[in-house]
């Protein structure tokens, strides 16, 4: 068989730091596509620990597409980390107990940003923090040590704290074609057959149009 088994935990048995994420998560609110991996020399199988404040009562989801490459130290901050902001104080007195439960906020009082969505073929550098409700477009690159506080457009490179646009990866014409092509949805055999084009560092629209 050409290519790894998408249902294997370790796609390359010789690299113990790299796991296919979908095969090591149990929380149904973490949804991950085939071939997306997490690379961490320390317990990559514990990817779920990098998804913080994901609570059932809020029902938000972390959705990661196919063929994403995520480096060590990733932190997904989910909606459960939010405090109410419209009252005189943001302090969560209720979690201290001892009668202070009367200050428990309703869900409607808490900011809710929705699901966190990572597109397909996204590369996230090490030690990146992604705040609640962020959408990262297909083909984007997130520089190491960045903090994402707003959405990222497809096929752009962003970095910094807070992360801001560095540049687009390709021309508008090539980006539009890639978004229509959706190569990550091809059958594996078609992807492997076209690796010479998909991995060409001198990419042109004409080369992409040769994919069959």
Protein backbone atom coordinates (compact mmCIF):
# COMPACT_ATOMS: atom_id res chain seq x y z
CA UNK A 1 0.00 0.00 0.00
CA UNK A 2 1.27 3.46 -0.89
CA UNK A 3 0.95 5.92 1.97
CA UNK A 4 0.20 5.37 5.67
CA UNK A 5 -2.90 3.81 7.17
CA UNK A 6 -5.13 6.77 8.17
CA UNK A 7 -6.44 4.71 11.09
CA UNK A 8 -3.00 4.15 12.60
CA UNK A 9 -1.97 6.10 15.70
CA UNK A 10 1.64 6.44 14.53
CA UNK A 11 1.71 6.95 10.73
CA UNK A 12 5.45 6.33 10.64
CA UNK A 13 6.47 3.70 13.18
CA UNK A 14 10.00 5.12 13.20
CA UNK A 15 8.79 8.54 14.49
CA UNK A 16 7.22 8.15 17.94
CA UNK A 17 6.66 11.91 18.35
CA UNK A 18 4.10 12.09 15.56
CA UNK A 19 0.48 10.88 15.81
CA UNK A 20 -2.62 11.10 13.68
CA UNK A 21 -4.83 13.23 15.93
CA UNK A 22 -8.16 11.61 15.11
CA UNK A 23 -6.85 8.29 16.42
CA UNK A 24 -5.94 9.57 19.88
CA UNK A 25 -8.87 11.82 20.83
CA UNK A 26 -11.96 10.56 22.64
CA UNK A 27 -13.97 13.75 23.22
CA UNK A 28 -16.82 13.79 20.67
CA UNK A 29 -16.57 17.59 20.53
CA UNK A 30 -13.09 17.30 18.96
CA UNK A 31 -13.54 16.40 15.29
CA UNK A 32 -10.43 15.79 13.18
CA UNK A 33 -9.98 14.81 9.53
CA UNK A 34 -7.72 12.12 8.11
CA UNK A 35 -3.94 12.59 8.01
CA UNK A 36 -3.84 15.61 10.35
CA UNK A 37 -1.01 15.09 12.80
CA UNK A 38 0.39 16.45 16.05
CA UNK A 39 4.17 16.36 16.53
CA UNK A 40 5.51 16.54 20.08
CA UNK A 41 8.48 14.65 21.59
CA UNK A 42 6.60 14.45 24.90
CA UNK A 43 3.40 12.42 24.88
CA UNK A 44 1.84 13.42 21.54
CA UNK A 45 -0.94 10.94 22.31
CA UNK A 46 -2.21 13.39 24.96
CA UNK A 47 -3.28 15.94 22.37
CA UNK A 48 -6.62 16.43 24.13
CA UNK A 49 -4.79 18.10 27.04
CA UNK A 50 -3.95 20.95 24.65
CA UNK A 51 -7.66 21.67 24.17
CA UNK A 52 -8.43 23.71 27.28
CA UNK A 53 -11.80 24.56 28.87
CA UNK A 54 -13.86 22.38 26.53
CA UNK A 55 -16.94 21.70 28.66
CA UNK A 56 -19.99 19.65 27.72
CA UNK A 57 -22.46 22.23 29.03
CA UNK A 58 -21.28 24.78 26.44
CA UNK A 59 -21.36 22.35 23.48
CA UNK A 60 -18.70 24.19 21.46
CA UNK A 61 -16.49 22.10 19.18
CA UNK A 62 -12.93 22.02 17.92
CA UNK A 63 -13.01 21.04 14.25
CA UNK A 64 -9.75 20.32 12.41
CA UNK A 65 -9.68 19.48 8.70
CA UNK A 66 -7.53 17.03 6.77
CA UNK A 67 -3.76 17.09 6.25
CA UNK A 68 -3.00 19.63 8.98
CA UNK A 69 0.46 19.73 10.57
CA UNK A 70 0.41 20.91 14.20
CA UNK A 71 3.63 21.41 16.13
CA UNK A 72 4.26 20.94 19.84
CA UNK A 73 2.88 23.30 22.44
CA UNK A 74 -0.39 24.10 20.69
CA UNK A 75 -3.10 25.56 22.96
CA UNK A 76 -6.71 25.75 21.90
CA UNK A 77 -8.56 27.96 24.40
CA UNK A 78 -12.24 27.09 24.21
CA UNK A 79 -15.31 29.05 25.31
CA UNK A 80 -15.32 27.60 28.82
CA UNK A 81 -12.44 29.93 29.69
CA UNK A 82 -14.64 33.03 29.29
CA UNK A 83 -15.85 35.20 32.19
CA UNK A 84 -18.81 37.57 32.08
CA UNK A 85 -17.69 41.04 31.03
CA UNK A 86 -20.80 43.22 31.42
CA UNK A 87 -20.86 43.27 35.23
CA UNK A 88 -18.80 45.49 37.52
CA UNK A 89 -16.34 42.62 38.06
CA UNK A 90 -15.22 39.73 35.89
CA UNK A 91 -14.20 37.66 38.95
CA UNK A 92 -15.92 34.22 39.08
CA UNK A 93 -16.89 34.25 42.78
CA UNK A 94 -19.13 31.19 42.32
CA UNK A 95 -16.24 28.78 41.75
CA UNK A 96 -14.98 29.48 45.30
CA UNK A 97 -18.07 27.84 46.84
CA UNK A 98 -18.89 28.53 50.51
CA UNK A 99 -22.18 30.24 49.70
CA UNK A 100 -20.82 32.30 46.82
CA UNK A 101 -22.61 30.06 44.33
CA UNK A 102 -25.38 32.67 44.33
CA UNK A 103 -23.16 34.66 41.94
CA UNK A 104 -23.15 31.88 39.34
CA UNK A 105 -23.66 33.46 35.91
CA UNK A 106 -26.19 32.10 33.44
CA UNK A 107 -24.89 30.81 30.12
CA UNK A 108 -26.42 33.88 28.47
CA UNK A 109 -24.15 36.07 30.60
CA UNK A 110 -20.98 34.42 29.30
CA UNK A 111 -19.31 35.40 26.01
CA UNK A 112 -19.72 32.58 23.47
CA UNK A 113 -17.66 32.74 20.28
CA UNK A 114 -18.84 29.48 18.71
CA UNK A 115 -16.78 26.60 17.36
CA UNK A 116 -13.06 26.78 16.67
CA UNK A 117 -12.49 25.63 13.08
CA UNK A 118 -9.13 24.80 11.49
CA UNK A 119 -9.34 24.25 7.73
CA UNK A 120 -7.50 21.70 5.62
CA UNK A 121 -3.76 21.68 4.88
CA UNK A 122 -3.04 24.17 7.69
CA UNK A 123 0.45 24.34 9.21
CA UNK A 124 0.57 25.54 12.82
CA UNK A 125 4.02 26.25 14.27
CA UNK A 126 5.07 25.39 17.80
CA UNK A 127 3.75 27.12 20.93
CA UNK A 128 0.76 28.70 19.16
CA UNK A 129 -2.32 29.76 21.15
CA UNK A 130 -5.70 29.91 19.43
CA UNK A 131 -8.51 31.77 21.18
CA UNK A 132 -12.19 30.69 21.19
CA UNK A 133 -14.28 30.79 18.04
CA UNK A 134 -11.42 31.34 15.59
CA UNK A 135 -11.66 30.09 12.01
CA UNK A 136 -8.42 29.37 10.15
CA UNK A 137 -8.83 29.02 6.38
CA UNK A 138 -7.51 26.21 4.19
CA UNK A 139 -3.81 26.32 3.42
CA UNK A 140 -2.95 28.93 6.06
CA UNK A 141 0.35 29.01 7.97
CA UNK A 142 0.54 30.16 11.61
CA UNK A 143 4.02 31.21 12.72
CA UNK A 144 5.54 29.82 15.92
CA UNK A 145 4.64 31.54 19.22
CA UNK A 146 1.67 33.34 17.68
CA UNK A 147 -1.59 34.14 19.47
CA UNK A 148 -4.64 34.02 17.21
CA UNK A 149 -7.39 36.43 18.24
CA UNK A 150 -9.17 36.76 14.89
CA UNK A 151 -9.94 34.66 11.82
CA UNK A 152 -7.23 33.79 9.30
CA UNK A 153 -7.91 33.87 5.56
CA UNK A 154 -7.10 30.87 3.35
CA UNK A 155 -3.55 30.57 2.05
CA UNK A 156 -2.15 33.41 4.13
CA UNK A 157 0.76 33.49 6.57
CA UNK A 158 0.17 35.17 9.93
CA UNK A 159 2.33 35.66 12.99
CA UNK A 160 2.82 37.62 16.18
CA UNK A 161 0.90 38.43 19.37
CA UNK A 162 -1.76 39.18 18.40
CA UNK A 163 -1.19 37.49 15.05
CA UNK A 164 -1.42 39.70 11.98
CA UNK A 165 -1.05 39.16 8.26
CA UNK A 166 2.48 38.65 6.97
CA UNK A 167 1.62 37.86 3.37
CA UNK A 168 -0.50 35.75 1.06
CA UNK A 169 1.14 32.52 -0.03
CA UNK A 170 0.11 32.70 -3.71
CA UNK A 171 -1.58 34.93 -6.24
CA UNK A 172 -5.34 35.42 -5.98
CA UNK A 173 -5.75 33.30 -9.11
CA UNK A 174 -3.85 30.31 -7.67
CA UNK A 175 -5.60 30.60 -4.29
CA UNK A 176 -9.02 30.59 -5.96
CA UNK A 177 -8.06 27.51 -7.98
CA UNK A 178 -6.76 25.64 -4.91
CA UNK A 179 -9.93 26.41 -2.96
CA UNK A 180 -11.98 25.02 -5.83
CA UNK A 181 -9.67 22.04 -6.35
CA UNK A 182 -9.89 20.86 -2.72
CA UNK A 183 -7.12 18.32 -3.28
CA UNK A 184 -7.48 17.05 0.31
CA UNK A 185 -10.81 15.50 -0.66
CA UNK A 186 -9.25 13.41 -3.45
CA UNK A 187 -9.02 9.64 -2.93
CA UNK A 188 -5.59 8.83 -1.44
CA UNK A 189 -4.42 7.17 -4.65
CA UNK A 190 -5.08 10.37 -6.61
CA UNK A 191 -3.19 12.46 -4.04
CA UNK A 192 -0.16 10.16 -4.09
CA UNK A 193 -0.23 10.15 -7.91
CA UNK A 194 -0.06 13.95 -8.05
CA UNK A 195 2.52 14.58 -5.34
CA UNK A 196 4.99 15.93 -7.90
CA UNK A 197 2.63 18.86 -8.56
CA UNK A 198 1.33 19.29 -5.01
CA UNK A 199 4.90 19.48 -3.67
CA UNK A 200 6.37 21.59 -6.48
CA UNK A 201 8.03 24.71 -5.03
CA UNK A 202 7.74 26.50 -8.39
CA UNK A 203 3.96 26.34 -8.41
CA UNK A 204 1.98 27.75 -11.32
CA UNK A 205 -1.68 27.66 -12.26
CA UNK A 206 -0.77 25.67 -15.37
CA UNK A 207 0.85 22.95 -13.28
CA UNK A 208 -2.19 22.74 -10.99
CA UNK A 209 -4.42 22.36 -14.01
CA UNK A 210 -2.46 19.24 -14.99
CA UNK A 211 -3.74 17.36 -11.93
CA UNK A 212 -5.95 14.49 -13.06
